[in-house]
Each structure stands twice: as C-alpha cells, then as structure tokens.
N, C-alpha and C. Protein backbone atom coordinates (compact mmCIF):
# COMPACT_ATOMS: atom_id res chain seq x y z
N MET A 1 -15.88 9.26 5.83
CA MET A 1 -14.55 8.97 5.10
C MET A 1 -14.39 9.98 4.13
N GLU A 2 -13.25 10.68 4.04
CA GLU A 2 -12.92 11.61 3.12
C GLU A 2 -11.74 11.08 2.12
N PHE A 3 -12.13 11.21 0.86
CA PHE A 3 -10.98 10.54 -0.10
C PHE A 3 -10.13 11.57 -0.67
N ILE A 4 -9.00 11.48 -0.61
CA ILE A 4 -8.30 12.75 -0.93
C ILE A 4 -7.05 12.05 -1.99
N ASP A 5 -7.17 12.77 -3.16
CA ASP A 5 -6.07 12.45 -4.18
C ASP A 5 -4.94 13.33 -4.16
N LEU A 6 -3.68 12.92 -3.79
CA LEU A 6 -2.48 13.59 -3.69
C LEU A 6 -1.63 13.48 -4.99
N GLY A 7 -2.14 12.78 -5.99
CA GLY A 7 -1.40 12.68 -7.19
C GLY A 7 0.05 12.08 -6.92
N LEU A 8 1.15 12.81 -7.75
CA LEU A 8 2.48 12.29 -7.62
C LEU A 8 3.22 13.02 -6.35
N ILE A 9 3.61 12.47 -5.42
CA ILE A 9 3.97 13.10 -4.21
C ILE A 9 4.87 12.55 -3.47
N PRO A 10 6.41 13.33 -3.25
CA PRO A 10 7.34 12.51 -2.55
C PRO A 10 6.92 11.87 -1.24
N HIS A 11 7.46 10.91 -1.06
CA HIS A 11 7.19 9.86 0.37
C HIS A 11 7.33 10.96 1.60
N ASP A 12 8.33 11.64 1.69
CA ASP A 12 8.26 12.54 3.13
C ASP A 12 7.33 13.34 3.09
N GLU A 13 6.69 13.92 2.00
CA GLU A 13 5.52 15.05 2.13
C GLU A 13 4.31 14.33 2.35
N ALA A 14 4.16 13.38 1.61
CA ALA A 14 2.84 12.27 1.98
C ALA A 14 2.90 11.78 3.52
N GLU A 15 4.06 11.37 4.07
CA GLU A 15 3.99 11.02 5.46
C GLU A 15 3.74 12.28 6.18
N LYS A 16 4.32 13.46 5.95
CA LYS A 16 4.03 14.64 6.72
C LYS A 16 2.33 14.80 6.72
N ILE A 17 1.82 14.76 5.57
CA ILE A 17 0.39 14.91 5.45
C ILE A 17 -0.43 13.81 6.41
N GLN A 18 -0.04 12.74 6.13
CA GLN A 18 -0.65 11.56 7.08
C GLN A 18 -0.54 11.88 8.51
N LEU A 19 0.72 12.38 8.96
CA LEU A 19 0.67 12.49 10.39
C LEU A 19 -0.11 13.90 10.88
N GLU A 20 -0.16 14.76 10.06
CA GLU A 20 -0.93 15.84 10.50
C GLU A 20 -2.42 15.33 10.42
N ARG A 21 -2.97 14.81 9.45
CA ARG A 21 -4.37 14.13 9.54
C ARG A 21 -4.50 13.15 10.74
N LEU A 22 -3.54 12.29 11.15
CA LEU A 22 -3.63 11.45 12.11
C LEU A 22 -3.95 12.20 13.37
N ASN A 23 -3.00 13.42 13.70
CA ASN A 23 -3.23 13.95 14.86
C ASN A 23 -4.66 14.91 15.13
N GLN A 24 -5.09 15.24 13.76
CA GLN A 24 -6.30 15.77 13.65
C GLN A 24 -7.60 14.86 14.19
N VAL A 25 -7.55 13.59 13.61
CA VAL A 25 -8.27 12.62 13.85
C VAL A 25 -8.13 12.23 15.48
N MET A 26 -7.09 12.20 15.90
CA MET A 26 -6.80 11.95 17.29
C MET A 26 -7.42 13.12 18.45
N GLU A 27 -7.10 14.37 17.80
CA GLU A 27 -7.71 15.38 18.45
C GLU A 27 -9.56 15.77 18.32
N GLY A 28 -10.05 15.04 17.19
CA GLY A 28 -11.40 15.06 17.08
C GLY A 28 -11.56 16.38 16.05
N THR A 29 -10.69 16.86 15.57
CA THR A 29 -10.88 18.02 14.53
C THR A 29 -10.99 17.77 13.17
N ALA A 30 -10.89 16.44 12.65
CA ALA A 30 -11.08 15.91 11.33
C ALA A 30 -11.52 14.41 11.45
N GLY A 31 -12.23 14.15 10.62
CA GLY A 31 -12.69 12.57 10.40
C GLY A 31 -11.60 11.70 9.59
N ASP A 32 -12.12 10.54 9.53
CA ASP A 32 -11.22 9.32 8.83
C ASP A 32 -10.81 10.01 7.22
N ALA A 33 -9.58 9.47 6.74
CA ALA A 33 -9.45 9.73 5.43
C ALA A 33 -8.76 8.76 4.76
N LEU A 34 -8.85 8.56 3.45
CA LEU A 34 -8.14 7.85 2.54
C LEU A 34 -7.41 8.56 1.42
N PHE A 35 -6.18 8.48 1.73
CA PHE A 35 -5.09 9.19 0.81
C PHE A 35 -4.73 8.23 -0.41
N LEU A 36 -5.11 8.52 -1.75
CA LEU A 36 -4.62 7.86 -2.70
C LEU A 36 -3.54 8.66 -3.54
N LEU A 37 -2.47 8.13 -3.91
CA LEU A 37 -1.47 8.70 -4.63
C LEU A 37 -0.56 7.68 -5.28
N GLU A 38 0.81 8.40 -5.89
CA GLU A 38 2.02 7.88 -6.42
C GLU A 38 2.84 8.24 -5.72
N HIS A 39 4.06 7.76 -5.68
CA HIS A 39 5.50 8.14 -5.11
C HIS A 39 6.67 8.26 -6.46
N PRO A 40 7.29 9.25 -6.44
CA PRO A 40 8.65 8.92 -7.14
C PRO A 40 9.29 7.83 -6.61
N PRO A 41 10.26 7.36 -7.34
CA PRO A 41 11.04 5.96 -7.06
C PRO A 41 11.78 6.28 -5.63
N VAL A 42 11.28 5.36 -4.64
CA VAL A 42 11.96 5.28 -3.27
C VAL A 42 11.76 3.81 -2.63
N VAL A 43 12.92 3.45 -2.13
CA VAL A 43 12.84 2.39 -1.28
C VAL A 43 12.58 2.58 0.07
N THR A 44 11.52 1.67 0.64
CA THR A 44 11.26 1.90 2.14
C THR A 44 11.53 0.86 2.97
N LEU A 45 11.93 1.14 4.14
CA LEU A 45 12.06 0.08 5.13
C LEU A 45 11.18 -0.08 6.27
N GLY A 46 10.76 -1.23 6.70
CA GLY A 46 9.62 -1.10 7.47
C GLY A 46 10.07 -1.39 9.04
N ARG A 47 9.11 -1.64 9.93
CA ARG A 47 9.93 -1.61 11.41
C ARG A 47 10.64 -3.00 11.59
N GLN A 48 10.67 -4.17 10.68
CA GLN A 48 11.19 -5.21 10.71
C GLN A 48 12.59 -5.42 10.09
N GLY A 49 12.81 -3.73 9.81
CA GLY A 49 14.23 -3.88 8.87
C GLY A 49 13.97 -3.82 7.51
N GLY A 50 15.18 -4.58 6.81
CA GLY A 50 15.04 -4.54 5.37
C GLY A 50 16.39 -4.16 4.69
N LEU A 51 17.28 -3.23 5.32
CA LEU A 51 18.42 -2.71 4.82
C LEU A 51 19.31 -3.92 4.32
N GLU A 52 19.26 -5.09 4.84
CA GLU A 52 20.03 -6.20 4.65
C GLU A 52 19.36 -6.86 3.34
N ASN A 53 17.98 -6.38 2.93
CA ASN A 53 17.67 -6.97 1.63
C ASN A 53 17.81 -6.09 0.45
N LEU A 54 18.50 -4.95 0.56
CA LEU A 54 18.83 -4.13 -0.36
C LEU A 54 20.13 -4.67 -0.89
N LEU A 55 19.88 -5.04 -2.44
CA LEU A 55 20.91 -5.87 -3.19
C LEU A 55 21.92 -5.02 -3.70
N ILE A 56 21.73 -3.63 -3.99
CA ILE A 56 22.60 -2.75 -4.45
C ILE A 56 23.14 -1.68 -3.45
N SER A 57 24.11 -0.86 -3.63
CA SER A 57 24.54 0.21 -2.50
C SER A 57 23.50 1.35 -2.89
N GLU A 58 23.35 1.98 -1.54
CA GLU A 58 22.41 3.25 -1.73
C GLU A 58 23.08 4.30 -2.80
N GLU A 59 24.47 4.35 -3.00
CA GLU A 59 24.86 5.14 -3.98
C GLU A 59 24.15 4.87 -5.42
N ALA A 60 24.41 3.58 -5.68
CA ALA A 60 23.98 2.92 -6.95
C ALA A 60 22.49 3.08 -7.03
N LEU A 61 21.52 2.95 -5.90
CA LEU A 61 20.27 3.27 -6.07
C LEU A 61 20.01 5.02 -6.48
N LYS A 62 20.90 5.82 -5.67
CA LYS A 62 20.93 7.30 -5.93
C LYS A 62 20.82 7.59 -7.51
N GLN A 63 21.69 6.67 -7.95
CA GLN A 63 22.11 6.89 -9.67
C GLN A 63 20.75 6.45 -10.41
N MET A 64 19.96 5.68 -9.71
CA MET A 64 18.68 5.17 -10.38
C MET A 64 17.54 6.25 -10.38
N GLY A 65 17.84 7.34 -9.41
CA GLY A 65 16.84 8.17 -9.21
C GLY A 65 16.02 7.80 -7.95
N ALA A 66 16.39 6.98 -7.12
CA ALA A 66 15.76 6.74 -6.02
C ALA A 66 16.42 6.93 -4.78
N GLU A 67 15.94 6.81 -3.57
CA GLU A 67 16.44 6.85 -2.13
C GLU A 67 16.10 5.89 -1.30
N VAL A 68 16.68 5.47 -0.10
CA VAL A 68 16.22 4.91 0.90
C VAL A 68 15.51 5.58 2.07
N VAL A 69 14.48 5.17 2.52
CA VAL A 69 13.64 5.98 3.53
C VAL A 69 13.29 4.80 4.70
N GLN A 70 13.49 5.03 5.99
CA GLN A 70 12.95 4.57 7.21
C GLN A 70 11.62 4.90 7.41
N THR A 71 10.79 3.88 7.59
CA THR A 71 9.22 4.26 7.83
C THR A 71 8.80 3.61 9.29
N ALA A 72 7.77 4.17 9.67
CA ALA A 72 7.07 3.42 11.09
C ALA A 72 6.17 2.44 10.61
N ARG A 73 5.92 1.91 9.38
CA ARG A 73 5.07 1.00 9.06
C ARG A 73 5.52 -0.46 9.53
N GLY A 74 4.68 -1.33 9.47
CA GLY A 74 5.25 -2.90 9.65
C GLY A 74 5.84 -3.36 8.36
N GLY A 75 6.23 -4.55 8.63
CA GLY A 75 6.75 -5.31 7.41
C GLY A 75 8.35 -4.94 7.06
N ASN A 76 8.63 -5.41 5.92
CA ASN A 76 10.23 -5.24 5.74
C ASN A 76 10.47 -4.15 4.51
N ILE A 77 11.22 -4.67 3.66
CA ILE A 77 11.52 -3.57 2.68
C ILE A 77 10.59 -3.84 1.41
N THR A 78 10.30 -2.75 0.74
CA THR A 78 9.40 -2.59 -0.53
C THR A 78 10.03 -1.46 -1.15
N CYS A 79 9.21 -1.02 -2.33
CA CYS A 79 9.71 -0.08 -3.11
C CYS A 79 8.41 0.67 -3.85
N HIS A 80 8.47 2.15 -4.20
CA HIS A 80 7.15 2.66 -4.38
C HIS A 80 7.89 3.45 -5.80
N TYR A 81 7.00 3.63 -6.77
CA TYR A 81 7.31 4.29 -7.94
C TYR A 81 6.48 4.89 -8.77
N PRO A 82 6.36 5.65 -9.71
CA PRO A 82 5.23 6.06 -10.73
C PRO A 82 4.79 4.75 -11.38
N GLY A 83 3.30 4.81 -11.37
CA GLY A 83 2.83 3.58 -11.93
C GLY A 83 2.34 2.39 -10.98
N GLN A 84 2.46 2.99 -9.70
CA GLN A 84 2.17 1.90 -8.40
C GLN A 84 1.20 2.78 -7.73
N LEU A 85 -0.07 2.32 -7.43
CA LEU A 85 -0.99 2.88 -6.67
C LEU A 85 -0.81 2.82 -5.23
N VAL A 86 -0.78 3.89 -4.46
CA VAL A 86 -0.57 3.85 -2.85
C VAL A 86 -1.62 4.23 -2.33
N ALA A 87 -2.18 3.67 -1.20
CA ALA A 87 -3.37 3.90 -0.55
C ALA A 87 -3.06 3.95 1.03
N TYR A 88 -3.14 5.31 1.57
CA TYR A 88 -2.90 5.32 3.01
C TYR A 88 -4.32 5.83 3.62
N PRO A 89 -4.76 4.87 4.32
CA PRO A 89 -6.11 5.32 5.36
C PRO A 89 -5.56 5.69 6.53
N VAL A 90 -6.11 6.68 6.93
CA VAL A 90 -5.94 7.26 8.35
C VAL A 90 -7.18 7.32 8.85
N MET A 91 -7.47 6.33 9.79
CA MET A 91 -8.82 6.00 10.27
C MET A 91 -8.91 5.23 11.61
N ARG A 92 -9.70 5.63 12.43
CA ARG A 92 -9.92 4.93 13.74
C ARG A 92 -10.71 3.51 13.72
N ILE A 93 -10.06 2.52 14.14
CA ILE A 93 -10.37 1.38 14.39
C ILE A 93 -10.86 0.61 15.46
N GLU A 94 -10.76 1.49 16.69
CA GLU A 94 -10.95 0.67 17.91
C GLU A 94 -12.53 0.28 18.18
N LYS A 95 -13.23 0.70 17.23
CA LYS A 95 -14.68 0.42 17.42
C LYS A 95 -15.04 -0.70 16.17
N ARG A 96 -14.26 -0.99 15.43
CA ARG A 96 -14.51 -1.99 14.28
C ARG A 96 -14.29 -3.18 14.62
N ARG A 97 -15.41 -4.06 14.33
CA ARG A 97 -15.23 -5.48 14.75
C ARG A 97 -13.91 -6.11 14.16
N GLY A 98 -13.33 -7.01 14.97
CA GLY A 98 -12.09 -7.65 14.42
C GLY A 98 -10.89 -6.85 14.56
N GLY A 99 -10.91 -5.66 14.94
CA GLY A 99 -9.69 -4.67 15.16
C GLY A 99 -8.64 -4.60 14.08
N ILE A 100 -7.42 -4.62 14.27
CA ILE A 100 -6.36 -4.50 13.50
C ILE A 100 -6.51 -5.67 12.55
N LYS A 101 -6.65 -6.83 12.75
CA LYS A 101 -6.73 -7.96 12.05
C LYS A 101 -7.78 -7.94 10.83
N LYS A 102 -8.79 -7.77 11.17
CA LYS A 102 -10.01 -7.31 10.22
C LYS A 102 -9.70 -6.29 9.45
N PHE A 103 -9.09 -5.23 9.87
CA PHE A 103 -8.59 -4.02 9.00
C PHE A 103 -7.76 -4.49 7.97
N PHE A 104 -6.77 -5.47 8.27
CA PHE A 104 -5.56 -5.54 7.35
C PHE A 104 -6.53 -6.49 6.30
N TYR A 105 -7.35 -7.55 6.88
CA TYR A 105 -7.92 -8.21 5.76
C TYR A 105 -9.04 -7.41 4.98
N ASP A 106 -9.55 -6.25 5.24
CA ASP A 106 -10.24 -5.62 4.47
C ASP A 106 -9.63 -4.90 3.51
N MET A 107 -8.37 -4.54 3.80
CA MET A 107 -7.44 -3.63 2.94
C MET A 107 -7.01 -4.88 1.81
N GLU A 108 -6.63 -5.98 2.31
CA GLU A 108 -6.24 -6.96 1.13
C GLU A 108 -7.63 -7.17 0.45
N GLU A 109 -8.88 -7.37 0.83
CA GLU A 109 -10.04 -7.46 0.21
C GLU A 109 -10.31 -6.61 -0.85
N THR A 110 -9.87 -5.16 -0.55
CA THR A 110 -10.18 -4.22 -1.34
C THR A 110 -9.32 -4.36 -2.76
N ALA A 111 -8.03 -4.81 -2.17
CA ALA A 111 -6.89 -5.08 -3.54
C ALA A 111 -7.62 -6.26 -4.43
N ILE A 112 -7.98 -7.19 -3.84
CA ILE A 112 -8.53 -8.45 -4.41
C ILE A 112 -9.63 -8.23 -5.37
N ARG A 113 -10.58 -7.42 -5.09
CA ARG A 113 -11.83 -6.97 -5.74
C ARG A 113 -11.40 -5.96 -6.79
N THR A 114 -10.40 -5.09 -6.75
CA THR A 114 -10.05 -4.20 -7.53
C THR A 114 -9.40 -5.04 -8.71
N ALA A 115 -8.56 -5.95 -8.55
CA ALA A 115 -7.93 -6.67 -9.60
C ALA A 115 -9.00 -7.55 -10.20
N ALA A 116 -9.98 -8.11 -9.62
CA ALA A 116 -11.10 -8.90 -10.22
C ALA A 116 -11.57 -7.93 -11.26
N HIS A 117 -11.94 -6.72 -10.83
CA HIS A 117 -12.61 -5.81 -12.00
C HIS A 117 -11.90 -5.78 -13.21
N PHE A 118 -10.47 -6.07 -13.10
CA PHE A 118 -9.90 -5.93 -14.49
C PHE A 118 -9.72 -7.38 -14.88
N GLY A 119 -10.14 -8.37 -14.48
CA GLY A 119 -10.29 -9.85 -15.01
C GLY A 119 -9.05 -10.58 -14.38
N VAL A 120 -8.33 -10.02 -13.22
CA VAL A 120 -7.27 -10.75 -12.85
C VAL A 120 -7.57 -11.38 -11.35
N GLU A 121 -7.55 -12.60 -11.30
CA GLU A 121 -7.73 -13.33 -10.04
C GLU A 121 -6.62 -13.05 -8.94
N ALA A 122 -6.63 -12.52 -7.90
CA ALA A 122 -5.68 -12.42 -7.01
C ALA A 122 -6.08 -13.05 -5.48
N VAL A 123 -5.36 -13.37 -4.78
CA VAL A 123 -5.62 -14.06 -3.66
C VAL A 123 -4.48 -13.77 -2.46
N ARG A 124 -5.24 -14.16 -1.35
CA ARG A 124 -4.09 -14.17 -0.18
C ARG A 124 -3.16 -15.42 -0.12
N SER A 125 -2.10 -15.17 0.44
CA SER A 125 -1.36 -16.41 0.64
C SER A 125 -0.83 -16.62 2.06
N GLU A 126 -1.24 -17.68 2.53
CA GLU A 126 -1.18 -17.99 4.04
C GLU A 126 0.30 -17.89 4.55
N GLY A 127 0.67 -17.00 5.50
CA GLY A 127 1.81 -16.73 5.85
C GLY A 127 2.44 -15.71 5.48
N ARG A 128 1.94 -15.17 4.10
CA ARG A 128 2.66 -14.13 3.35
C ARG A 128 1.73 -12.94 3.09
N PRO A 129 2.05 -12.03 4.08
CA PRO A 129 0.91 -10.74 3.90
C PRO A 129 0.88 -10.16 2.52
N GLY A 130 -0.22 -9.63 2.14
CA GLY A 130 -0.44 -9.00 1.04
C GLY A 130 -1.22 -9.51 -0.14
N VAL A 131 -1.30 -9.36 -1.19
CA VAL A 131 -2.11 -10.00 -2.47
C VAL A 131 -1.22 -10.49 -3.46
N TRP A 132 -1.67 -11.95 -4.04
CA TRP A 132 -0.52 -12.50 -4.74
C TRP A 132 -1.49 -13.04 -6.00
N VAL A 133 -0.88 -13.00 -7.23
CA VAL A 133 -1.12 -14.01 -8.46
C VAL A 133 -0.27 -14.89 -8.67
N GLY A 134 -0.65 -16.21 -8.09
CA GLY A 134 0.29 -17.11 -8.31
C GLY A 134 1.51 -16.91 -7.59
N PRO A 135 2.75 -17.01 -7.84
CA PRO A 135 4.11 -16.57 -7.04
C PRO A 135 4.41 -15.12 -7.08
N GLY A 136 3.52 -14.51 -7.89
CA GLY A 136 3.93 -13.06 -7.77
C GLY A 136 3.10 -12.15 -6.91
N LYS A 137 3.79 -11.24 -6.54
CA LYS A 137 3.28 -10.25 -5.29
C LYS A 137 2.67 -9.25 -6.09
N LEU A 138 1.37 -9.09 -5.91
CA LEU A 138 0.70 -7.81 -6.64
C LEU A 138 0.43 -6.80 -5.88
N CYS A 139 0.41 -6.79 -4.39
CA CYS A 139 0.25 -5.92 -3.46
C CYS A 139 0.90 -6.01 -2.27
N SER A 140 1.66 -4.91 -1.79
CA SER A 140 2.14 -5.12 -0.31
C SER A 140 1.36 -4.17 0.52
N ILE A 141 1.27 -4.82 2.17
CA ILE A 141 0.72 -4.02 2.92
C ILE A 141 1.59 -4.03 4.26
N GLY A 142 1.52 -2.58 4.65
CA GLY A 142 2.33 -2.53 5.84
C GLY A 142 1.81 -1.20 6.39
N ILE A 143 1.20 -1.22 7.70
CA ILE A 143 0.44 -0.38 8.26
C ILE A 143 1.23 0.12 9.47
N GLY A 144 0.91 1.27 9.93
CA GLY A 144 1.29 1.76 11.51
C GLY A 144 -0.05 2.10 12.23
N VAL A 145 0.02 2.05 13.66
CA VAL A 145 -1.16 2.26 14.28
C VAL A 145 -0.74 3.13 15.47
N LYS A 146 -1.55 3.90 15.96
CA LYS A 146 -1.11 5.18 16.86
C LYS A 146 -2.31 5.26 17.52
N LYS A 147 -2.43 4.87 18.85
CA LYS A 147 -3.78 5.18 19.62
C LYS A 147 -4.95 4.65 18.66
N TRP A 148 -4.89 3.60 18.23
CA TRP A 148 -5.99 2.72 17.35
C TRP A 148 -6.36 3.74 16.03
N ILE A 149 -5.47 4.36 15.53
CA ILE A 149 -5.54 5.19 14.37
C ILE A 149 -4.72 4.51 13.48
N THR A 150 -5.03 4.40 12.10
CA THR A 150 -4.02 3.60 11.40
C THR A 150 -3.40 4.82 10.45
N TYR A 151 -2.16 4.49 9.96
CA TYR A 151 -1.51 4.98 8.96
C TYR A 151 -0.68 4.45 8.21
N HIS A 152 0.06 4.73 7.22
CA HIS A 152 0.60 3.97 5.96
C HIS A 152 -0.48 3.03 5.57
N GLY A 153 -0.02 1.94 4.83
CA GLY A 153 -1.00 1.03 4.12
C GLY A 153 -0.65 0.23 3.41
N LEU A 154 -1.17 0.53 1.88
CA LEU A 154 -0.86 -0.47 0.71
C LEU A 154 -0.33 0.22 -0.59
N SER A 155 0.45 -0.69 -1.13
CA SER A 155 0.83 -0.27 -2.47
C SER A 155 0.44 -1.40 -3.61
N PHE A 156 0.17 -0.87 -4.47
CA PHE A 156 -0.82 -1.73 -5.72
C PHE A 156 0.09 -1.67 -6.83
N ASN A 157 0.83 -2.71 -7.49
CA ASN A 157 1.57 -2.55 -8.65
C ASN A 157 0.51 -2.48 -9.89
N VAL A 158 0.52 -1.43 -10.67
CA VAL A 158 -0.24 -1.32 -11.67
C VAL A 158 0.41 -1.57 -13.26
N SER A 159 1.58 -0.70 -13.40
CA SER A 159 2.41 -0.52 -14.75
C SER A 159 3.26 -1.80 -14.79
N ARG A 160 3.53 -2.45 -16.24
CA ARG A 160 4.57 -3.28 -16.38
C ARG A 160 6.05 -2.93 -15.84
N ASP A 161 6.34 -1.74 -15.95
CA ASP A 161 7.71 -1.34 -15.40
C ASP A 161 7.70 -1.39 -13.98
N MET A 162 8.58 -2.62 -13.53
CA MET A 162 8.82 -2.60 -12.17
C MET A 162 10.23 -2.87 -11.70
N ARG A 163 11.08 -2.03 -12.66
CA ARG A 163 12.71 -2.26 -12.37
C ARG A 163 13.09 -2.16 -11.28
N LEU A 164 12.66 -1.11 -10.56
CA LEU A 164 12.98 -0.99 -9.25
C LEU A 164 13.17 -2.06 -8.20
N PHE A 165 12.10 -3.03 -8.24
CA PHE A 165 12.12 -4.15 -7.57
C PHE A 165 13.38 -4.84 -7.68
N ASP A 166 14.20 -4.85 -8.66
CA ASP A 166 15.47 -5.38 -9.10
C ASP A 166 16.44 -5.08 -7.94
N ALA A 167 16.27 -3.82 -7.38
CA ALA A 167 17.40 -3.61 -6.41
C ALA A 167 16.96 -4.29 -4.87
N ILE A 168 15.98 -4.98 -4.88
CA ILE A 168 15.57 -5.51 -3.43
C ILE A 168 15.22 -7.14 -3.39
N THR A 169 15.32 -7.47 -2.22
CA THR A 169 14.85 -8.88 -1.87
C THR A 169 13.06 -8.59 -1.61
N LEU A 170 12.29 -8.78 -2.49
CA LEU A 170 11.02 -8.15 -2.13
C LEU A 170 10.49 -8.54 -0.68
N CYS A 171 10.25 -7.69 0.19
CA CYS A 171 9.62 -8.00 1.45
C CYS A 171 10.60 -8.94 2.49
N GLY A 172 11.73 -9.13 1.84
CA GLY A 172 12.78 -10.13 2.63
C GLY A 172 12.16 -11.53 2.40
N LEU A 173 11.51 -11.85 1.24
CA LEU A 173 10.94 -13.01 0.85
C LEU A 173 11.82 -13.82 -0.13
N HIS A 174 12.84 -14.70 0.29
CA HIS A 174 13.31 -14.95 -0.73
C HIS A 174 12.54 -16.20 -1.79
N GLY A 175 12.74 -15.89 -3.19
CA GLY A 175 12.04 -16.52 -4.12
C GLY A 175 10.74 -15.94 -4.48
N ALA A 176 10.37 -14.96 -3.80
CA ALA A 176 9.25 -13.97 -4.28
C ALA A 176 9.71 -13.12 -5.38
N HIS A 177 8.59 -12.76 -6.28
CA HIS A 177 9.01 -11.78 -7.10
C HIS A 177 7.77 -10.97 -7.34
N PRO A 178 7.88 -9.79 -7.90
CA PRO A 178 6.67 -8.94 -8.06
C PRO A 178 5.98 -9.08 -9.30
N THR A 179 4.69 -8.66 -9.47
CA THR A 179 3.86 -8.86 -10.63
C THR A 179 3.15 -7.53 -10.59
N SER A 180 2.35 -7.30 -11.57
CA SER A 180 1.45 -6.10 -11.69
C SER A 180 0.20 -6.56 -12.48
N LEU A 181 -0.75 -5.56 -12.29
CA LEU A 181 -2.19 -5.74 -12.81
C LEU A 181 -1.90 -5.70 -14.34
N SER A 182 -1.03 -4.69 -14.76
CA SER A 182 -0.95 -4.67 -16.50
C SER A 182 -0.33 -6.09 -16.91
N ARG A 183 0.81 -6.61 -16.34
CA ARG A 183 1.13 -7.80 -16.80
C ARG A 183 0.21 -8.88 -16.48
N GLU A 184 -0.50 -9.12 -15.64
CA GLU A 184 -1.40 -10.23 -15.33
C GLU A 184 -2.67 -9.97 -16.37
N ALA A 185 -3.07 -8.82 -16.57
CA ALA A 185 -3.90 -8.58 -17.53
C ALA A 185 -3.84 -8.79 -18.75
N GLY A 186 -2.51 -8.72 -19.29
CA GLY A 186 -1.85 -8.74 -20.63
C GLY A 186 -2.22 -7.53 -21.29
N ARG A 187 -2.59 -6.49 -20.68
CA ARG A 187 -2.65 -5.16 -21.38
C ARG A 187 -2.50 -3.94 -20.62
N ASP A 188 -1.96 -2.86 -20.85
CA ASP A 188 -1.44 -1.57 -20.19
C ASP A 188 -2.88 -0.85 -19.51
N ILE A 189 -2.86 -0.95 -18.13
CA ILE A 189 -4.06 -0.44 -17.40
C ILE A 189 -3.54 0.89 -16.83
N ASP A 190 -4.44 2.05 -17.11
CA ASP A 190 -4.10 3.18 -16.46
C ASP A 190 -4.10 3.21 -14.92
N THR A 191 -3.31 4.00 -14.09
CA THR A 191 -3.31 3.75 -12.99
C THR A 191 -4.53 4.83 -12.22
N GLU A 192 -4.67 5.67 -13.15
CA GLU A 192 -6.06 6.39 -12.81
C GLU A 192 -7.39 5.76 -12.67
N GLU A 193 -7.48 4.89 -13.53
CA GLU A 193 -8.56 3.92 -13.47
C GLU A 193 -8.60 2.97 -12.49
N VAL A 194 -7.52 2.60 -12.13
CA VAL A 194 -7.40 1.72 -11.00
C VAL A 194 -7.66 2.33 -9.50
N LYS A 195 -7.18 3.65 -9.63
CA LYS A 195 -7.46 4.40 -8.51
C LYS A 195 -8.97 4.53 -8.13
N ASN A 196 -9.75 4.96 -9.28
CA ASN A 196 -11.33 4.92 -9.12
C ASN A 196 -12.07 3.70 -8.66
N VAL A 197 -11.40 2.62 -9.22
CA VAL A 197 -11.94 1.43 -8.59
C VAL A 197 -11.84 0.98 -7.29
N PHE A 198 -10.23 1.30 -7.02
CA PHE A 198 -10.04 0.85 -5.66
C PHE A 198 -10.82 1.72 -4.72
N ARG A 199 -10.87 2.96 -4.97
CA ARG A 199 -11.60 3.78 -3.96
C ARG A 199 -13.13 3.52 -3.78
N GLU A 200 -13.89 2.98 -4.76
CA GLU A 200 -15.08 2.63 -4.66
C GLU A 200 -15.25 1.16 -3.91
N GLU A 201 -14.38 0.35 -4.57
CA GLU A 201 -14.28 -0.92 -3.41
C GLU A 201 -14.00 -0.68 -2.08
N PHE A 202 -12.97 0.21 -1.76
CA PHE A 202 -12.84 0.57 -0.16
C PHE A 202 -14.20 1.23 0.17
N ARG A 203 -14.75 2.03 -0.38
CA ARG A 203 -15.96 2.57 0.06
C ARG A 203 -17.00 1.46 0.52
N LYS A 204 -17.18 0.53 -0.37
CA LYS A 204 -18.15 -0.36 -0.04
C LYS A 204 -18.04 -1.33 1.04
N ILE A 205 -16.49 -1.79 0.90
CA ILE A 205 -16.13 -2.86 1.93
C ILE A 205 -16.05 -2.09 3.42
N PHE A 206 -15.38 -0.93 3.51
CA PHE A 206 -15.38 -0.34 4.97
C PHE A 206 -16.80 0.03 5.34
N ALA A 207 -17.71 0.57 4.31
CA ALA A 207 -19.07 1.11 4.86
C ALA A 207 -19.70 -0.17 5.40
N ASP A 208 -19.55 -1.30 4.90
CA ASP A 208 -20.25 -2.54 5.26
C ASP A 208 -19.78 -2.92 6.66
N SER A 209 -18.41 -2.91 6.84
CA SER A 209 -17.75 -3.06 8.06
C SER A 209 -18.38 -2.17 9.03
N ALA A 210 -18.58 -0.89 8.68
CA ALA A 210 -18.74 0.01 9.80
C ALA A 210 -20.33 -0.13 10.29
N VAL A 211 -21.30 -0.85 9.11
CA VAL A 211 -22.51 -1.22 9.60
C VAL A 211 -22.79 -2.14 10.38
N ALA A 212 -21.62 -3.32 10.26
CA ALA A 212 -21.55 -4.61 11.12
C ALA A 212 -21.25 -4.28 12.46
N ALA A 213 -20.10 -3.31 12.52
CA ALA A 213 -19.74 -2.91 13.82
C ALA A 213 -20.74 -2.15 14.60
N GLY A 214 -21.63 -1.36 13.89
CA GLY A 214 -22.49 -0.51 14.73
C GLY A 214 -23.70 -1.32 15.11
C-alpha cells in the first residue's frame, strides 16, 4: 500500500489521479494506494442522486465559491472543503475476506479509531452509512468499484467551520446534521495531525485484514 498526500487539490484533478491509478492497478503496473487530501469547496452528487437535496441555486453556490460535481461514487449529496480530510483508497478487494461489505466496515472503523485518538467516541448507526457522534454525522462514505478495485472513499470533518453543509440536506437524510472532530473535542484540531493518525490506523486495520485473508 502506497500512501500519497495530495494536499489541497480540486475535485476533478483528484478524480483524474484516482482513475489513472485505478487503471494502473487493473493492468498490474502499480499497487494499491491511499490518497489523502483536502478539496476546495465543492458539493458532490452520488449515483443515488442528490440534486433534489441542494437547498440553494447553483448560482448562489458559485457565489459561495463552490460548484456542483456529479461523481461515480455511491450515496447521495455531500460536500467537501478545506478543513475536511478526504481519503480515497484505490485497492483490489476481490481477495479480501468479506468483500465490499468488509471493506466499507473497515473504512468506518478507521474513522472511529481516529476519532477515539482525539477523545471523541464515534459509532456506526444502523441503516445510516458513515460514522456518527450522537445525531451528528462526523464522516461520510461513498465508494466506487470497478473490476473489484475501489476508488472514491471517505470524508472526515475536522474543522469547526462547516457552513457549506447549510447548502444541502446532508446525504439526503432529513433531520441529520454535520458535526466535526474539533467541535466534538471542544478544541481546534489540525487536519494534518488527523491525517497522520488516520494513515496509521488505516495501515493497521487493512494490514490485519490482509493477514486474515491470506
């Protein structure tokens, strides 16, 4: 597994990099990779739609410095912005025990353990994908899979500033609202620090899964 830090990068550029790596993994010319990054403000739609859950016009969104992008990931509408950690694993899962369901579970587990490192107890919520702290959604997950290789992934809210979420009905779930690691911890937490912890938790969880599958 190669860990690649892309820093702050526009959504379309990151998607291009993901797809290039996906093709390389498919062809056997490169191994699995985890891309860690942040995006400038953007609202993304999943395969299940989401435009109906945009609460303002696209023109008003542009005035906020954001745009709407259609993606190939699963799920509904969400948003990305500086101060949110995004993780895109491009990896083969056909030989992993539990397949896509276990991969999804392990992604959630990585976020749960990362939150615990900062003293925040995050959990899964039955029937509601992602990771939650009470009624607040801390982490959203939406993946794409092509020939048993994953792409897209997870967004983990770190900073207190989550104003972009005011423009959407989060993941199409009425009554759901976002929360962040800094808000739940009661202190400002640096995204770079969270990135480092997330990377190590991902390494441990997915290395253990690989051993179990082998």
